Protein backbone atom coordinates (compact mmCIF):
# COMPACT_ATOMS: atom_id res chain seq x y z
CA UNK A 1 145.26 118.92 59.90
CA UNK A 2 145.84 121.21 56.28
CA UNK A 3 146.75 120.25 52.83
CA UNK A 4 147.67 122.12 49.79
CA UNK A 5 146.46 121.16 46.43
CA UNK A 6 147.75 122.66 43.07
CA UNK A 7 144.90 123.61 40.61
CA UNK A 8 144.98 122.02 37.44
CA UNK A 9 145.49 123.63 34.20
CA UNK A 10 148.43 123.63 31.61
CA UNK A 11 148.92 127.07 31.51
CA UNK A 12 148.04 128.61 34.87
CA UNK A 13 145.09 129.76 34.13
CA UNK A 14 142.73 126.85 33.41
CA UNK A 15 139.68 125.90 34.86
CA UNK A 16 139.26 126.27 38.70
CA UNK A 17 140.58 123.05 40.33
CA UNK A 18 138.84 120.95 43.14
CA UNK A 19 140.03 118.56 46.02
CA UNK A 20 138.14 116.34 48.70
CA UNK A 21 137.00 118.66 51.64
CA UNK A 22 137.40 121.76 49.75
CA UNK A 23 138.19 123.81 46.73
CA UNK A 24 141.34 125.26 45.58
CA UNK A 25 140.85 129.13 44.85
CA UNK A 26 141.65 130.33 40.83
CA UNK A 27 144.61 133.00 40.63
CA UNK A 28 144.44 136.14 38.79
CA UNK A 29 147.77 136.75 37.43
CA UNK A 30 148.57 136.53 33.79
CA UNK A 31 149.78 134.11 31.53
CA UNK A 32 152.56 132.34 33.26
CA UNK A 33 151.30 133.51 36.66
CA UNK A 34 150.42 130.72 38.79
CA UNK A 35 147.67 130.44 40.70
CA UNK A 36 147.21 130.39 44.70
CA UNK A 37 145.61 127.49 46.37
CA UNK A 38 143.63 127.95 49.26
CA UNK A 39 144.40 125.89 52.40
CA UNK A 40 141.11 123.02 52.76
CA UNK A 41 140.71 121.07 56.26
CA UNK A 42 141.44 117.38 55.89
CA UNK A 43 138.17 115.38 56.73
CA UNK A 44 138.28 112.56 59.56
CA UNK A 45 137.21 108.93 58.55
CA UNK A 46 135.13 107.20 61.03
CA UNK A 47 138.11 105.33 61.97
CA UNK A 48 140.08 108.32 62.25
CA UNK A 49 137.35 109.47 64.65
CA UNK A 50 137.09 106.55 66.79
CA UNK A 51 140.94 106.46 66.98
CA UNK A 52 141.43 109.84 68.30
CA UNK A 53 138.53 109.78 70.37
CA UNK A 54 139.80 106.27 72.21
CA UNK A 55 143.09 107.66 72.48
CA UNK A 56 142.42 109.36 75.92
CA UNK A 57 140.81 106.70 77.55
CA UNK A 58 143.34 104.09 76.35
CA UNK A 59 145.83 106.30 78.02
CA UNK A 60 143.77 106.45 81.69
CA UNK A 61 142.11 103.15 81.86
CA UNK A 62 141.68 103.77 85.72
CA UNK A 63 139.69 106.86 85.27
CA UNK A 64 137.81 105.22 82.84
CA UNK A 65 136.49 102.56 85.14
CA UNK A 66 135.66 104.52 87.80
CA UNK A 67 133.82 107.29 85.61
CA UNK A 68 132.04 104.26 83.83
CA UNK A 69 130.90 102.72 86.99
CA UNK A 70 128.30 105.35 87.67
CA UNK A 71 126.69 105.06 84.48
CA UNK A 72 126.84 101.36 84.72
CA UNK A 73 125.28 101.32 88.12
CA UNK A 74 122.31 103.50 87.06
CA UNK A 75 121.66 101.22 84.10
CA UNK A 76 122.14 97.95 85.91
CA UNK A 77 119.27 99.32 88.49
CA UNK A 78 116.98 100.47 85.95
CA UNK A 79 117.41 97.11 83.68
CA UNK A 80 116.97 95.10 86.93
CA UNK A 81 113.94 96.66 88.29
CA UNK A 82 112.23 96.21 84.89
CA UNK A 83 113.66 92.62 84.33
CA UNK A 84 112.18 91.63 87.89
CA UNK A 85 108.65 93.25 87.28
CA UNK A 86 108.57 91.60 84.17
CA UNK A 87 109.45 87.98 85.39
CA UNK A 88 107.17 88.05 88.14
CA UNK A 89 104.43 89.47 85.90
CA UNK A 90 105.15 86.95 83.19
CA UNK A 91 104.80 84.04 86.14
CA UNK A 92 101.36 85.43 87.11
CA UNK A 93 100.29 85.35 83.65
CA UNK A 94 101.65 82.09 83.10
CA UNK A 95 99.75 80.91 85.83
CA UNK A 96 96.48 82.81 84.78
CA UNK A 97 96.98 80.69 81.62
CA UNK A 98 96.93 77.62 83.53
CA UNK A 99 94.23 77.80 86.02
CA UNK A 100 92.02 80.26 83.37
CA UNK A 101 89.80 83.10 83.94
CA UNK A 102 86.50 80.84 83.43
CA UNK A 103 85.78 80.16 86.79
CA UNK A 104 82.81 81.60 88.63
CA UNK A 105 81.73 81.21 92.23
CA UNK A 106 78.50 82.13 93.52
CA UNK A 107 77.42 82.39 97.39
CA UNK A 108 74.75 83.49 99.61
CA UNK A 109 74.54 87.15 100.24
CA UNK A 110 72.06 88.77 102.57
CA UNK A 111 68.37 89.16 101.94
CA UNK A 112 67.37 92.74 101.00
CA UNK A 113 64.25 92.49 102.90
CA UNK A 114 65.15 90.55 106.29
CA UNK A 115 69.06 91.33 106.15
CA UNK A 116 69.67 87.64 107.30
CA UNK A 117 72.12 85.68 105.20
CA UNK A 118 70.32 83.31 102.50
CA UNK A 119 70.42 79.58 102.41
CA UNK A 120 71.49 77.93 98.59
CA UNK A 121 69.20 75.03 97.64
CA UNK A 122 70.33 71.64 98.21
CA UNK A 123 70.44 70.92 94.53
CA UNK A 124 72.32 74.48 93.47
CA UNK A 125 75.25 72.37 92.10
CA UNK A 126 72.65 70.50 89.40
CA UNK A 127 70.75 73.51 88.69
CA UNK A 128 74.25 75.16 87.54
CA UNK A 129 75.36 71.97 86.04
CA UNK A 130 72.67 72.35 83.52
CA UNK A 131 73.60 75.90 82.47
CA UNK A 132 74.40 76.22 78.61
CA UNK A 133 78.14 76.48 78.60
CA UNK A 134 79.01 75.30 82.28
CA UNK A 135 81.84 72.33 81.73
CA UNK A 136 82.06 71.39 85.78
CA UNK A 137 80.30 72.49 88.72
CA UNK A 138 81.21 71.60 92.49
CA UNK A 139 79.91 73.14 95.83
CA UNK A 140 81.47 73.33 99.27
CA UNK A 141 79.37 73.57 102.50
CA UNK A 142 80.26 74.94 105.85
CA UNK A 143 80.05 72.23 108.68
CA UNK A 144 79.93 73.47 112.27
CA UNK A 145 82.94 71.19 113.91
CA UNK A 146 86.34 71.69 114.67
CA UNK A 147 89.77 69.98 113.67
CA UNK A 148 92.84 69.21 115.93
CA UNK A 149 95.65 67.05 115.78
CA UNK A 150 94.46 64.46 118.31
CA UNK A 151 91.60 64.20 120.72
CA UNK A 152 93.89 65.37 123.83
CA UNK A 153 94.35 68.97 122.44
CA UNK A 154 91.88 71.03 124.21
CA UNK A 155 88.79 72.29 121.94
CA UNK A 156 89.31 75.79 122.34
CA UNK A 157 92.81 75.52 121.20
CA UNK A 158 92.09 76.40 117.34
CA UNK A 159 94.37 76.16 114.63
CA UNK A 160 92.46 78.49 112.25
CA UNK A 161 91.15 75.65 109.72
CA UNK A 162 87.60 75.30 108.97
CA UNK A 163 85.46 72.10 108.13
CA UNK A 164 83.83 72.02 104.76
CA UNK A 165 81.72 69.36 102.82
CA UNK A 166 82.97 68.82 99.45
CA UNK A 167 81.26 67.43 96.44
CA UNK A 168 83.27 64.86 94.36
CA UNK A 169 83.69 67.13 91.28
CA UNK A 170 85.29 70.20 93.41
CA UNK A 171 88.52 69.28 92.33
CA UNK A 172 88.07 69.27 88.81
CA UNK A 173 86.33 72.53 88.88
CA UNK A 174 89.39 74.33 90.89
CA UNK A 175 91.90 72.31 88.77
CA UNK A 176 93.58 71.33 92.18
CA UNK A 177 96.14 69.01 92.30
CA UNK A 178 96.78 66.55 95.19
CA UNK A 179 100.19 66.61 96.43
CA UNK A 180 99.71 63.37 98.67
CA UNK A 181 97.17 60.63 98.52
CA UNK A 182 93.92 60.81 96.77
CA UNK A 183 90.81 63.05 96.51
CA UNK A 184 87.56 62.29 97.79
CA UNK A 185 85.43 59.41 95.76
CA UNK A 186 81.98 57.88 96.10
CA UNK A 187 83.44 55.54 98.44
CA UNK A 188 85.63 57.43 100.77
CA UNK A 189 83.08 60.40 100.52
CA UNK A 190 80.91 58.10 102.74
CA UNK A 191 83.20 57.27 105.71
CA UNK A 192 85.66 59.13 108.05
CA UNK A 193 87.99 60.25 105.67
CA UNK A 194 89.50 63.83 105.12
CA UNK A 195 91.34 65.81 102.57
CA UNK A 196 93.45 68.90 103.85
CA UNK A 197 94.19 71.91 102.24
CA UNK A 198 98.15 72.63 102.14
CA UNK A 199 97.87 75.45 104.62
CA UNK A 200 95.90 73.27 106.83
CA UNK A 201 97.98 70.31 106.73
CA UNK A 202 100.98 72.46 107.90
CA UNK A 203 98.98 73.80 110.87
CA UNK A 204 97.60 70.62 111.89
CA UNK A 205 101.46 68.92 111.72
CA UNK A 206 100.31 66.38 108.97
CA UNK A 207 103.07 65.88 106.44
CA UNK A 208 101.57 62.97 104.52
CA UNK A 209 98.36 61.21 103.92
CA UNK A 210 97.60 57.89 105.96
CA UNK A 211 97.57 59.98 109.31
CA UNK A 212 94.79 60.84 111.24
CA UNK A 213 93.06 63.96 112.77
CA UNK A 214 90.53 64.43 115.23
CA UNK A 215 87.58 65.99 113.54
CA UNK A 216 84.29 66.89 115.35
CA UNK A 217 84.10 63.80 118.09
CA UNK A 218 86.23 61.09 116.23
CA UNK A 219 88.97 60.25 114.18
CA UNK A 220 89.21 61.21 110.45
CA UNK A 221 91.77 59.45 108.33
CA UNK A 222 93.54 62.00 105.93
CA UNK A 223 93.37 60.59 102.46
CA UNK A 224 94.94 63.34 100.70
CA UNK A 225 96.74 66.46 100.84
CA UNK A 226 96.09 69.32 98.39
CA UNK A 227 98.77 71.27 96.67
CA UNK A 228 98.39 75.42 96.18
CA UNK A 229 95.25 76.68 95.01
CA UNK A 230 95.58 79.96 93.86
CA UNK A 231 92.02 80.30 92.59
CA UNK A 232 90.57 78.98 95.73
CA UNK A 233 92.66 79.99 98.61
CA UNK A 234 89.87 79.43 100.99
CA UNK A 235 90.35 75.45 100.56
CA UNK A 236 93.82 76.05 101.68
CA UNK A 237 92.85 76.41 104.75
CA UNK A 238 90.17 73.92 105.14
CA UNK A 239 89.60 70.12 105.86
CA UNK A 240 87.33 68.64 103.52
CA UNK A 241 85.19 65.76 104.04
CA UNK A 242 82.91 64.17 101.64
CA UNK A 243 79.07 65.40 101.26
CA UNK A 244 77.42 62.19 102.76
CA UNK A 245 79.79 61.63 105.63
CA UNK A 246 79.56 65.39 106.64
CA UNK A 247 75.60 64.86 106.69
CA UNK A 248 75.37 61.53 108.24
CA UNK A 249 78.52 62.10 110.84
CA UNK A 250 78.54 65.57 111.63
CA UNK A 251 75.19 67.08 111.27
CA UNK A 252 75.53 68.94 108.36
CA UNK A 253 72.37 69.98 106.88
CA UNK A 254 73.40 69.75 103.01
CA UNK A 255 72.89 73.22 102.02
CA UNK A 256 76.12 74.52 100.03
CA UNK A 257 77.46 77.78 100.87
CA UNK A 258 79.67 78.09 97.86
CA UNK A 259 79.18 76.93 94.25
CA UNK A 260 82.19 76.72 91.93
CA UNK A 261 81.49 76.27 88.12
CA UNK A 262 83.53 76.08 85.21
CA UNK A 263 82.53 77.15 81.96
CA UNK A 264 83.77 77.59 78.31
CA UNK A 265 85.77 80.83 77.54
CA UNK A 266 83.44 82.54 75.39
CA UNK A 267 80.43 81.74 78.07
CA UNK A 268 81.69 83.32 80.97
CA UNK A 269 79.61 86.41 80.75
CA UNK A 270 76.42 84.85 79.74
CA UNK A 271 77.11 82.29 82.81
CA UNK A 272 77.12 84.99 84.94
CA UNK A 273 74.23 86.56 84.22
CA UNK A 274 72.21 83.24 84.57
CA UNK A 275 74.02 82.23 87.73
CA UNK A 276 71.69 84.15 90.08
CA UNK A 277 68.40 83.40 88.73
CA UNK A 278 69.04 79.53 88.16
CA UNK A 279 70.18 79.43 91.84
CA UNK A 280 67.61 81.38 93.53
CA UNK A 281 64.95 82.31 90.63
CA UNK A 282 62.44 84.07 93.38
CA UNK A 283 65.33 86.45 95.10
CA UNK A 284 68.51 86.42 92.46
CA UNK A 285 69.41 89.90 94.06
CA UNK A 286 70.72 87.51 97.02
CA UNK A 287 73.16 85.95 95.20
CA UNK A 288 77.06 87.15 94.86
CA UNK A 289 78.79 85.79 91.92
CA UNK A 290 82.64 86.43 91.90
CA UNK A 291 85.18 85.85 89.55
CA UNK A 292 88.46 84.28 91.83
CA UNK A 293 90.92 84.85 88.76
CA UNK A 294 90.23 88.74 88.72
CA UNK A 295 92.53 89.00 92.04
CA UNK A 296 95.32 87.63 89.81
CA UNK A 297 94.74 89.69 87.26
CA UNK A 298 94.43 92.61 89.60
CA UNK A 299 98.03 91.39 90.88
CA UNK A 300 99.52 91.28 87.55
CA UNK A 301 97.88 94.70 86.67
CA UNK A 302 99.73 96.12 89.99
CA UNK A 303 103.02 94.20 89.40
CA UNK A 304 105.41 96.88 89.36
CA UNK A 305 103.50 99.55 91.06
CA UNK A 306 106.68 100.71 93.23
CA UNK A 307 109.08 100.13 90.13
CA UNK A 308 108.69 104.22 89.70
CA UNK A 309 110.35 104.80 93.20
CA UNK A 310 113.51 102.23 92.16
CA UNK A 311 113.44 103.67 88.75
CA UNK A 312 113.96 106.95 89.68
CA UNK A 313 116.42 105.95 92.15
CA UNK A 314 118.20 104.35 89.05
CA UNK A 315 117.98 107.44 86.75
CA UNK A 316 119.40 109.41 89.63
CA UNK A 317 122.29 107.09 89.49
CA UNK A 318 122.35 107.38 85.89
CA UNK A 319 122.15 111.24 86.18
CA UNK A 320 125.15 111.27 88.51
CA UNK A 321 127.25 108.95 86.59
CA UNK A 322 126.78 111.38 83.59
CA UNK A 323 127.86 114.28 85.55
CA UNK A 324 131.19 112.38 86.63
CA UNK A 325 131.92 111.65 82.78
CA UNK A 326 131.20 115.37 82.12
CA UNK A 327 133.71 116.22 84.71
CA UNK A 328 135.97 113.60 83.60
CA UNK A 329 135.99 115.24 80.44
CA UNK A 330 136.73 118.62 81.31
CA UNK A 331 139.66 117.30 83.57
CA UNK A 332 140.59 115.72 80.35
CA UNK A 333 140.36 118.79 78.26
CA UNK A 334 142.56 120.80 80.97
CA UNK A 335 145.26 118.26 81.22
CA UNK A 336 145.65 118.05 77.18
CA UNK A 337 145.94 121.37 76.33
CA UNK A 338 149.45 120.63 75.02
CA UNK A 339 147.82 117.95 72.99
CA UNK A 340 145.07 120.17 71.62
CA UNK A 341 147.37 122.91 70.66
CA UNK A 342 149.36 121.09 68.66
CA UNK A 343 146.41 119.65 67.03
CA UNK A 344 145.24 123.26 66.04
CA UNK A 345 148.65 124.35 64.98
CA UNK A 346 149.04 121.46 62.67
CA UNK A 347 145.74 122.61 61.05
CA UNK A 348 143.16 120.46 62.84
CA UNK A 349 139.60 122.29 62.61
CA UNK A 350 137.72 123.48 65.45
CA UNK A 351 134.83 120.81 64.43
CA UNK A 352 137.41 117.99 64.56
CA UNK A 353 138.48 118.96 67.92
CA UNK A 354 134.86 119.00 69.25
CA UNK A 355 133.95 115.67 67.51
CA UNK A 356 137.02 113.91 69.05
CA UNK A 357 135.78 114.91 72.70
CA UNK A 358 132.07 114.08 72.15
CA UNK A 359 133.54 110.84 70.69
CA UNK A 360 135.46 109.97 73.66
CA UNK A 361 132.29 110.80 76.13
CA UNK A 362 129.97 108.59 73.92
CA UNK A 363 132.88 105.79 74.28
CA UNK A 364 132.92 106.26 77.76
CA UNK A 365 129.14 106.37 78.64
CA UNK A 366 128.61 103.48 75.92
CA UNK A 367 131.18 101.47 78.09
CA UNK A 368 129.35 102.01 81.24
CA UNK A 369 126.22 101.45 79.52
CA UNK A 370 127.04 98.10 78.31
CA UNK A 371 128.70 96.85 81.54
CA UNK A 372 125.08 97.80 83.22
CA UNK A 373 122.85 96.18 80.78
CA UNK A 374 125.11 93.12 81.32
CA UNK A 375 124.86 93.40 85.17
CA UNK A 376 121.47 94.19 85.28
CA UNK A 377 120.30 91.08 83.07
CA UNK A 378 122.54 88.92 85.18
CA UNK A 379 120.71 90.26 88.63
CA UNK A 380 117.59 89.67 87.29
CA UNK A 381 118.53 86.24 85.89
CA UNK A 382 119.70 85.38 89.42
CA UNK A 383 116.52 86.69 91.24
CA UNK A 384 114.49 84.76 88.81
CA UNK A 385 116.31 81.36 89.68
CA UNK A 386 116.19 82.14 93.24
CA UNK A 387 112.41 82.66 93.21
CA UNK A 388 111.72 80.12 90.46
CA UNK A 389 110.35 82.61 87.92
CA UNK A 390 110.99 82.94 84.04
CA UNK A 391 113.93 85.10 83.03
CA UNK A 392 112.23 87.95 81.56
CA UNK A 393 114.29 91.33 80.08
CA UNK A 394 112.24 93.39 77.96
CA UNK A 395 114.11 94.22 74.55
CA UNK A 396 112.65 97.96 74.98
CA UNK A 397 114.38 98.07 78.41
CA UNK A 398 117.63 97.15 77.13
CA UNK A 399 117.44 99.62 73.91
CA UNK A 400 116.09 102.51 76.00
CA UNK A 401 118.98 102.21 78.83
CA UNK A 402 121.53 101.79 76.26
CA UNK A 403 120.19 104.73 74.40
CA UNK A 404 119.84 106.71 77.75
CA UNK A 405 123.57 106.38 78.07
CA UNK A 406 124.38 107.56 74.81
CA UNK A 407 122.19 110.70 75.02
CA UNK A 408 123.86 111.33 78.44
CA UNK A 409 127.42 110.80 77.07
CA UNK A 410 126.63 113.56 74.19
CA UNK A 411 125.22 116.14 76.61
CA UNK A 412 128.14 115.38 79.04
CA UNK A 413 130.67 115.84 76.21
CA UNK A 414 129.33 119.04 74.55
CA UNK A 415 130.50 121.40 76.98
CA UNK A 416 134.07 120.36 77.48
CA UNK A 417 134.03 119.60 73.48
CA UNK A 418 133.35 123.36 72.75
CA UNK A 419 135.83 124.40 75.49
CA UNK A 420 138.13 122.43 73.77
CA UNK A 421 137.82 123.56 70.62
CA UNK A 422 137.65 127.29 71.74
CA UNK A 423 141.43 126.82 73.12
CA UNK A 424 143.85 129.31 71.31
CA UNK A 425 146.77 127.06 69.78
CA UNK A 426 149.32 129.78 71.14
CA UNK A 427 148.13 130.19 74.47
CA UNK A 428 147.67 126.23 75.00
CA UNK A 429 151.32 125.55 73.77
CA UNK A 430 152.57 128.87 75.73
CA UNK A 431 150.76 127.57 78.94
CA UNK A 432 153.21 124.21 78.54
């Protein structure tokens, strides 16, 4: 639009006048000769820009919904992929914080001289417990026996459950919980009593404590069933009997096959170095020390390893949505040539036409991006609720996703905006 502003000055030859948005040219006539003002394009306020930019969207709601849908799908995919990955990682990190990263397991390796598997000393647990920084220590020992639901099941019909002798302090070391019944103690550890890992209980068909299983050549009473043990999965598939009962009733030789220890967090590295020499001073190289939490840490680190593929698919959907927005804007320019020509003939500058259509493209993309963020967050919340995970949607993913929509909206609207600004007012009105 344009407006005329007269120059200021009493006699017509006064000082040069000014106006908002431009200047007024001073006339050159003599006294009594008026000045000739210059037409200046009016400036559009942000409110005016928003009004004219949203005009095309308000007049074609169905087209707006369909065009914004592509953007929404792309952003929803990206937000949900990142959110699900972050929720799973948060669950693992919480579990690691709960279980701790300060537990080590020492197991016998093979002798470097004979190649045979070495034996740990019978008092290995006591030796480890004396290391400075060790808070708790326990052990298991492999027992040569099988376990079945009852005596009528053939011995060769195994269920993949191993029998292990367990020390009384083992449960405290692995931070395990007994889901049903109790753990082995000084009394039950001397008698035919057994504690089942939750996997072994499922395989044997035992649902609660108090039932009996056939172990070796006699019935053992199930006194407890353990909850899952993420740091000791080998115990989940075991039948655990007391150390004394294993020696007296099952022929166990008393040599542990795994020593578990829990130390102070700041002493883990030092304890790791001392464990082999403490357990076997003569051949420390034959002792293997592992960190069970390393598996969970590696799993947490690898969480989202395949997210790049899904993010790529989300990016493609976002790109397709941007193409749809650009196509919608080009069609809008073609359909609104009369409007553009009329505005240009009334004085609208090319820059105002450009900003009108870029704003329209930004509003269209921003609408799709906002809907996509809501859908992605809702999908993440649903997945987290079903799987029992904490709901985590990183703020950077929301900001980045919405920022990507605005960038795509700007790029998608540039060509249609430039094309609209280049329309000749006379040709646009003549085409109608």
